[in-house]
């Protein structure tokens, strides 16, 4: 089978990870071009990965030797790039958050869906072995009453753009919280209808690095809480799902999973951990080849952004805010 010729725009730490996996680990992809504003670093990586460096993102998207695009760039830069790729009919993988907000995200959603291109949002936790196991096991709980997500990560002070709302679209709510909001929709099949949120800054200056959000779901009965920080030296990814027949308690960082029932806890064994970037690239390649639907669509990605936006409105208003429907 002929490999899909791939271009990647955005070659920071995370984008470079995408590039190396695309070039070395995914047979169905052939990395032909990368775009990074730092020419010296871009040319060096292009030499390492046997592809060409380009300094202009629009030219890369329009290149005849690029069939599909991965965007791992600032949310503020996405509207022009997503729209151009859609106009040219080129499949997209858009790293999360897929927009800086609904004002910029809605036109991108319209462009992607009207062009009917394959587009996958970079919600890589959908490919995490622990998260997949929890989704498989959730049916044994019966009625779902509450879900709790708690994530702790170190500060990312080396990423100066992350503490600049004009470029990042927001802080920890937008860049970590969206993962949890997406998992909440994915686990339950429900929409998030309203949120109440508080946030603080322990390390950052212009964006939040800690937040707690209470969420109400569209069935009117299930509740959730998301509690994330990027101010600790530790890491965790706790997920607790409570229902009428027991609880699932897992941690996607530690790789542990237990079912808590009336007879006490029992340990469950998820599949072996996988690297989620090559996993999503494999899924992207399959979708471009026409053999799979998007594990997380652009609409799914924008739905998580809509929840983040409601969180920011709640911080300002001090009350529950409805999540804007797409």
Protein backbone atom coordinates (compact mmCIF):
# COMPACT_ATOMS: atom_id res chain seq x y z
CA UNK A 1 0.00 0.00 0.00
CA UNK A 2 1.32 3.43 -0.94
CA UNK A 3 2.33 5.58 2.03
CA UNK A 4 0.56 8.87 2.72
CA UNK A 5 2.92 11.78 2.16
CA UNK A 6 2.81 13.81 5.35
CA UNK A 7 3.64 17.38 6.30
CA UNK A 8 3.93 18.58 9.90
CA UNK A 9 3.63 22.21 10.97
CA UNK A 10 4.91 23.12 14.42
CA UNK A 11 8.13 21.44 15.54
CA UNK A 12 8.49 22.33 19.18
CA UNK A 13 8.95 19.60 21.77
CA UNK A 14 5.60 17.94 21.05
CA UNK A 15 5.68 18.53 17.31
CA UNK A 16 9.17 17.03 17.09
CA UNK A 17 7.79 13.96 18.82
CA UNK A 18 5.13 13.69 16.13
CA UNK A 19 7.74 14.11 13.40
CA UNK A 20 10.07 11.42 14.72
CA UNK A 21 7.27 8.89 15.17
CA UNK A 22 5.84 9.68 11.72
CA UNK A 23 9.24 9.21 10.11
CA UNK A 24 10.37 6.17 12.05
CA UNK A 25 7.42 4.22 13.46
CA UNK A 26 4.37 4.47 11.18
CA UNK A 27 4.84 2.56 7.94
CA UNK A 28 1.70 3.96 6.35
CA UNK A 29 3.11 7.51 6.57
CA UNK A 30 6.02 9.05 4.69
CA UNK A 31 7.20 12.31 6.22
CA UNK A 32 8.08 14.58 3.32
CA UNK A 33 8.11 18.09 4.81
CA UNK A 34 8.21 19.95 8.11
CA UNK A 35 7.68 23.61 8.92
CA UNK A 36 9.36 25.39 11.83
CA UNK A 37 10.02 29.11 12.16
CA UNK A 38 13.46 28.45 13.67
CA UNK A 39 15.28 27.71 10.40
CA UNK A 40 18.44 26.25 11.94
CA UNK A 41 16.50 23.86 14.19
CA UNK A 42 14.08 23.02 11.36
CA UNK A 43 16.83 22.21 8.89
CA UNK A 44 18.64 20.11 11.49
CA UNK A 45 15.56 18.01 12.21
CA UNK A 46 14.77 17.71 8.50
CA UNK A 47 18.27 16.36 7.93
CA UNK A 48 17.87 13.88 10.77
CA UNK A 49 14.51 12.64 9.46
CA UNK A 50 15.35 12.75 5.73
CA UNK A 51 12.64 15.23 4.78
CA UNK A 52 12.68 18.86 3.68
CA UNK A 53 12.33 21.95 5.82
CA UNK A 54 9.98 24.71 4.74
CA UNK A 55 9.71 28.13 6.33
CA UNK A 56 6.20 28.91 5.10
CA UNK A 57 3.27 26.92 6.47
CA UNK A 58 0.89 27.88 3.66
CA UNK A 59 3.38 26.68 1.05
CA UNK A 60 3.76 23.36 2.87
CA UNK A 61 0.00 22.81 2.94
CA UNK A 62 -0.26 23.57 -0.78
CA UNK A 63 2.72 21.38 -1.76
CA UNK A 64 2.03 18.66 -4.31
CA UNK A 65 4.16 16.19 -2.33
CA UNK A 66 2.10 16.64 0.85
CA UNK A 67 -1.13 14.61 1.00
CA UNK A 68 -2.07 15.17 4.64
CA UNK A 69 -1.20 17.64 7.39
CA UNK A 70 -0.46 17.45 11.12
CA UNK A 71 -0.82 20.76 12.96
CA UNK A 72 1.04 20.99 16.28
CA UNK A 73 1.14 24.74 16.46
CA UNK A 74 -0.24 27.60 18.53
CA UNK A 75 -4.04 27.79 18.75
CA UNK A 76 -3.85 31.38 17.50
CA UNK A 77 -2.33 30.18 14.21
CA UNK A 78 -4.87 27.44 13.49
CA UNK A 79 -7.69 29.33 11.69
CA UNK A 80 -5.68 30.20 8.59
CA UNK A 81 -4.01 26.78 8.38
CA UNK A 82 -7.09 24.63 9.00
CA UNK A 83 -9.14 26.66 6.53
CA UNK A 84 -6.51 26.40 3.79
CA UNK A 85 -6.10 22.64 4.25
CA UNK A 86 -9.88 22.20 4.10
CA UNK A 87 -10.09 24.29 0.93
CA UNK A 88 -7.44 22.06 -0.67
CA UNK A 89 -9.15 18.89 0.53
CA UNK A 90 -6.21 17.71 2.62
CA UNK A 91 -6.83 15.51 5.69
CA UNK A 92 -5.86 16.97 9.03
CA UNK A 93 -4.68 15.94 12.48
CA UNK A 94 -5.10 18.98 14.73
CA UNK A 95 -3.46 18.83 18.15
CA UNK A 96 -5.61 19.96 21.04
CA UNK A 97 -6.90 22.47 21.82
CA UNK A 98 -8.30 22.60 18.30
CA UNK A 99 -9.15 26.31 18.67
CA UNK A 100 -8.49 29.19 21.01
CA UNK A 101 -12.25 29.55 21.50
CA UNK A 102 -15.59 29.15 19.76
CA UNK A 103 -15.29 32.44 17.87
CA UNK A 104 -12.33 31.08 15.91
CA UNK A 105 -13.37 27.43 16.14
CA UNK A 106 -16.81 27.63 14.53
CA UNK A 107 -15.51 28.78 11.11
CA UNK A 108 -12.90 26.01 11.22
CA UNK A 109 -15.57 23.45 12.05
CA UNK A 110 -17.67 24.69 9.13
CA UNK A 111 -14.67 24.54 6.79
CA UNK A 112 -13.75 20.99 7.83
CA UNK A 113 -17.29 19.64 7.66
CA UNK A 114 -18.32 21.40 4.45
CA UNK A 115 -15.16 20.15 2.72
CA UNK A 116 -15.87 16.65 4.11
CA UNK A 117 -12.20 16.03 4.80
CA UNK A 118 -10.94 13.47 7.27
CA UNK A 119 -9.94 15.35 10.41
CA UNK A 120 -8.92 13.93 13.77
CA UNK A 121 -8.49 15.99 16.94
CA UNK A 122 -5.36 15.24 18.94
CA UNK A 123 -7.09 13.92 22.06
CA UNK A 124 -4.47 11.25 22.58
CA UNK A 125 -5.88 9.96 25.89
CA UNK A 126 -8.51 8.16 23.83
CA UNK A 127 -5.62 5.89 22.81
CA UNK A 128 -4.26 5.39 26.33
CA UNK A 129 -4.53 1.72 27.39
CA UNK A 130 -5.88 2.57 30.84
CA UNK A 131 -8.55 4.90 29.44
CA UNK A 132 -9.58 2.30 26.86
CA UNK A 133 -9.88 -0.32 29.62
CA UNK A 134 -12.03 1.99 31.75
CA UNK A 135 -14.34 2.65 28.82
CA UNK A 136 -14.65 -1.09 28.22
CA UNK A 137 -15.47 -1.73 31.90
CA UNK A 138 -17.86 1.15 32.52
CA UNK A 139 -20.94 -0.89 31.61
CA UNK A 140 -20.56 -3.07 34.70
CA UNK A 141 -21.30 -0.05 36.91
CA UNK A 142 -24.88 0.30 35.70
CA UNK A 143 -26.21 3.80 36.33
CA UNK A 144 -23.35 6.33 36.41
CA UNK A 145 -23.66 8.87 39.22
CA UNK A 146 -20.35 10.74 39.41
CA UNK A 147 -17.02 11.01 37.63
CA UNK A 148 -13.87 12.60 39.04
CA UNK A 149 -10.72 13.54 37.13
CA UNK A 150 -7.54 14.72 38.86
CA UNK A 151 -4.37 15.51 36.93
CA UNK A 152 -1.09 16.85 38.32
CA UNK A 153 1.89 17.82 36.19
CA UNK A 154 5.01 19.97 36.56
CA UNK A 155 5.04 23.57 35.31
CA UNK A 156 5.98 24.12 31.67
CA UNK A 157 7.75 27.43 32.10
CA UNK A 158 10.03 26.70 29.13
CA UNK A 159 7.01 27.22 26.85
CA UNK A 160 6.72 31.01 26.95
CA UNK A 161 3.66 31.03 24.68
CA UNK A 162 1.69 28.89 27.13
CA UNK A 163 1.48 31.80 29.60
CA UNK A 164 0.38 34.21 26.86
CA UNK A 165 -3.41 34.03 26.40
CA UNK A 166 -3.21 35.81 23.04
CA UNK A 167 -1.26 32.87 21.62
CA UNK A 168 -2.38 29.95 23.77
CA UNK A 169 -6.07 30.77 24.17
CA UNK A 170 -5.83 30.09 27.90
CA UNK A 171 -3.94 28.22 30.58
CA UNK A 172 -4.41 24.90 32.30
CA UNK A 173 -8.16 24.78 31.64
CA UNK A 174 -7.57 24.98 27.91
CA UNK A 175 -4.44 22.84 27.69
CA UNK A 176 -5.04 20.11 30.29
CA UNK A 177 -8.71 20.43 31.15
CA UNK A 178 -9.83 19.76 27.58
CA UNK A 179 -8.38 16.24 27.85
CA UNK A 180 -10.65 15.56 30.83
CA UNK A 181 -13.69 17.22 29.26
CA UNK A 182 -13.21 15.04 26.18
CA UNK A 183 -12.83 11.84 28.23
CA UNK A 184 -15.97 12.72 30.16
CA UNK A 185 -18.00 12.93 26.93
CA UNK A 186 -16.29 9.81 25.53
CA UNK A 187 -16.89 7.68 28.63
CA UNK A 188 -20.53 8.61 29.09
CA UNK A 189 -21.84 9.50 25.63
CA UNK A 190 -23.36 12.59 27.26
CA UNK A 191 -22.82 16.28 26.69
CA UNK A 192 -21.63 18.64 29.42
CA UNK A 193 -24.47 21.08 29.97
CA UNK A 194 -23.14 23.54 32.57
CA UNK A 195 -20.05 24.23 34.68
CA UNK A 196 -18.93 26.14 37.74
CA UNK A 197 -15.20 26.82 37.94
CA UNK A 198 -12.55 28.38 40.15
CA UNK A 199 -8.94 28.93 39.10
CA UNK A 200 -5.65 30.13 40.57
CA UNK A 201 -2.07 30.80 39.50
CA UNK A 202 0.67 29.35 41.65
CA UNK A 203 3.58 29.58 39.21
CA UNK A 204 2.38 31.22 36.02
CA UNK A 205 1.81 34.95 35.62
CA UNK A 206 -0.87 35.60 33.00
CA UNK A 207 -2.75 32.29 32.84
CA UNK A 208 -4.09 29.80 35.39
CA UNK A 209 -2.11 26.71 36.38
CA UNK A 210 -4.68 25.31 38.86
CA UNK A 211 -8.43 24.92 38.50
CA UNK A 212 -11.38 23.00 39.89
CA UNK A 213 -14.56 22.61 37.83
CA UNK A 214 -17.91 21.08 38.76
CA UNK A 215 -19.85 19.85 35.74
CA UNK A 216 -23.45 18.87 35.15
CA UNK A 217 -24.24 16.45 32.32
CA UNK A 218 -27.04 16.52 29.81
CA UNK A 219 -29.00 13.64 31.37
CA UNK A 220 -29.75 15.88 34.37
CA UNK A 221 -28.49 13.37 36.94
CA UNK A 222 -24.78 12.63 36.41
CA UNK A 223 -22.24 14.95 38.03
CA UNK A 224 -18.51 15.33 37.47
CA UNK A 225 -15.52 17.17 38.84
CA UNK A 226 -12.27 18.04 37.06
CA UNK A 227 -9.33 19.17 39.21
CA UNK A 228 -6.03 19.88 37.46
CA UNK A 229 -2.75 21.59 38.28
CA UNK A 230 0.55 22.32 36.56
CA UNK A 231 2.42 23.49 39.63
CA UNK A 232 3.69 20.27 41.25
CA UNK A 233 6.85 18.27 40.68
CA UNK A 234 4.69 15.13 40.66
CA UNK A 235 2.51 13.52 38.01
CA UNK A 236 -0.78 11.67 38.18
CA UNK A 237 -3.88 11.06 36.10
CA UNK A 238 -6.60 9.84 38.47
CA UNK A 239 -10.02 8.88 37.09
CA UNK A 240 -12.82 7.66 39.38
CA UNK A 241 -16.20 6.60 38.02
CA UNK A 242 -18.93 5.76 40.53
CA UNK A 243 -22.17 3.95 39.70
CA UNK A 244 -24.92 1.87 41.25
CA UNK A 245 -22.90 -1.38 41.16
CA UNK A 246 -19.50 -0.06 42.27
CA UNK A 247 -16.60 2.10 41.19
CA UNK A 248 -13.77 2.11 38.69
CA UNK A 249 -10.63 3.79 39.99
CA UNK A 250 -7.73 4.18 37.60
CA UNK A 251 -4.72 6.35 36.91
CA UNK A 252 -3.59 6.80 33.31
CA UNK A 253 -0.15 8.00 34.39
CA UNK A 254 0.50 5.20 36.89
CA UNK A 255 -1.28 2.56 34.80
CA UNK A 256 -3.33 1.17 37.70
CA UNK A 257 -6.99 0.14 37.56
CA UNK A 258 -9.33 -1.34 40.20
CA UNK A 259 -12.99 -2.25 40.39
CA UNK A 260 -14.50 -1.54 43.81
CA UNK A 261 -17.62 -3.60 44.43
CA UNK A 262 -19.63 -4.81 47.43
CA UNK A 263 -16.99 -7.49 48.13
CA UNK A 264 -14.09 -5.06 48.09
CA UNK A 265 -11.49 -4.07 45.51
CA UNK A 266 -10.24 -6.24 42.67
CA UNK A 267 -7.35 -5.32 40.42
CA UNK A 268 -7.94 -5.14 36.67
CA UNK A 269 -5.20 -5.53 34.08
CA UNK A 270 -5.34 -3.12 31.13
CA UNK A 271 -3.45 -3.87 27.96
CA UNK A 272 0.23 -2.97 27.98
CA UNK A 273 0.89 0.78 27.85
CA UNK A 274 1.28 2.27 24.39
CA UNK A 275 2.85 5.47 23.16
CA UNK A 276 -0.18 7.53 22.26
CA UNK A 277 1.44 9.74 19.60
CA UNK A 278 2.32 6.86 17.24
CA UNK A 279 -1.09 5.33 18.07
CA UNK A 280 -2.95 8.44 16.93
CA UNK A 281 -0.70 8.69 13.86
CA UNK A 282 -1.59 5.09 12.98
CA UNK A 283 -5.27 5.97 13.34
CA UNK A 284 -4.76 9.08 11.22
CA UNK A 285 -3.09 7.05 8.48
CA UNK A 286 -5.95 4.54 8.53
CA UNK A 287 -8.50 7.33 8.28
CA UNK A 288 -6.70 9.01 5.41
CA UNK A 289 -6.68 5.63 3.69
CA UNK A 290 -10.45 5.42 4.10
CA UNK A 291 -10.51 2.46 6.49
CA UNK A 292 -11.54 4.21 9.72
CA UNK A 293 -13.61 7.04 11.11
CA UNK A 294 -11.99 9.66 13.32
CA UNK A 295 -11.55 8.47 16.90
CA UNK A 296 -12.07 12.09 17.92
CA UNK A 297 -13.46 14.42 15.30
CA UNK A 298 -12.80 18.14 15.00
CA UNK A 299 -16.32 18.61 16.38
CA UNK A 300 -15.35 16.53 19.43
CA UNK A 301 -12.27 18.69 19.92
CA UNK A 302 -14.29 21.88 19.65
CA UNK A 303 -16.88 20.54 22.13
CA UNK A 304 -14.07 20.29 24.71
CA UNK A 305 -13.05 23.88 23.90
CA UNK A 306 -16.68 24.97 24.45
CA UNK A 307 -16.53 23.52 27.97
CA UNK A 308 -13.25 25.32 28.65
CA UNK A 309 -14.79 28.58 27.45
CA UNK A 310 -17.75 28.08 29.81
CA UNK A 311 -15.25 27.53 32.64
CA UNK A 312 -13.68 30.92 31.98
CA UNK A 313 -17.11 32.56 31.90
CA UNK A 314 -17.91 30.91 35.24
CA UNK A 315 -14.70 32.24 36.80
CA UNK A 316 -15.80 35.75 35.79
CA UNK A 317 -19.44 35.42 36.82
CA UNK A 318 -19.00 33.34 39.98
CA UNK A 319 -21.89 31.04 39.04
CA UNK A 320 -22.75 28.03 36.89
CA UNK A 321 -22.54 28.82 33.18
CA UNK A 322 -24.22 26.88 30.37
CA UNK A 323 -21.91 25.26 27.83
CA UNK A 324 -22.58 26.67 24.38
CA UNK A 325 -23.90 23.98 22.03
CA UNK A 326 -22.19 23.56 18.69
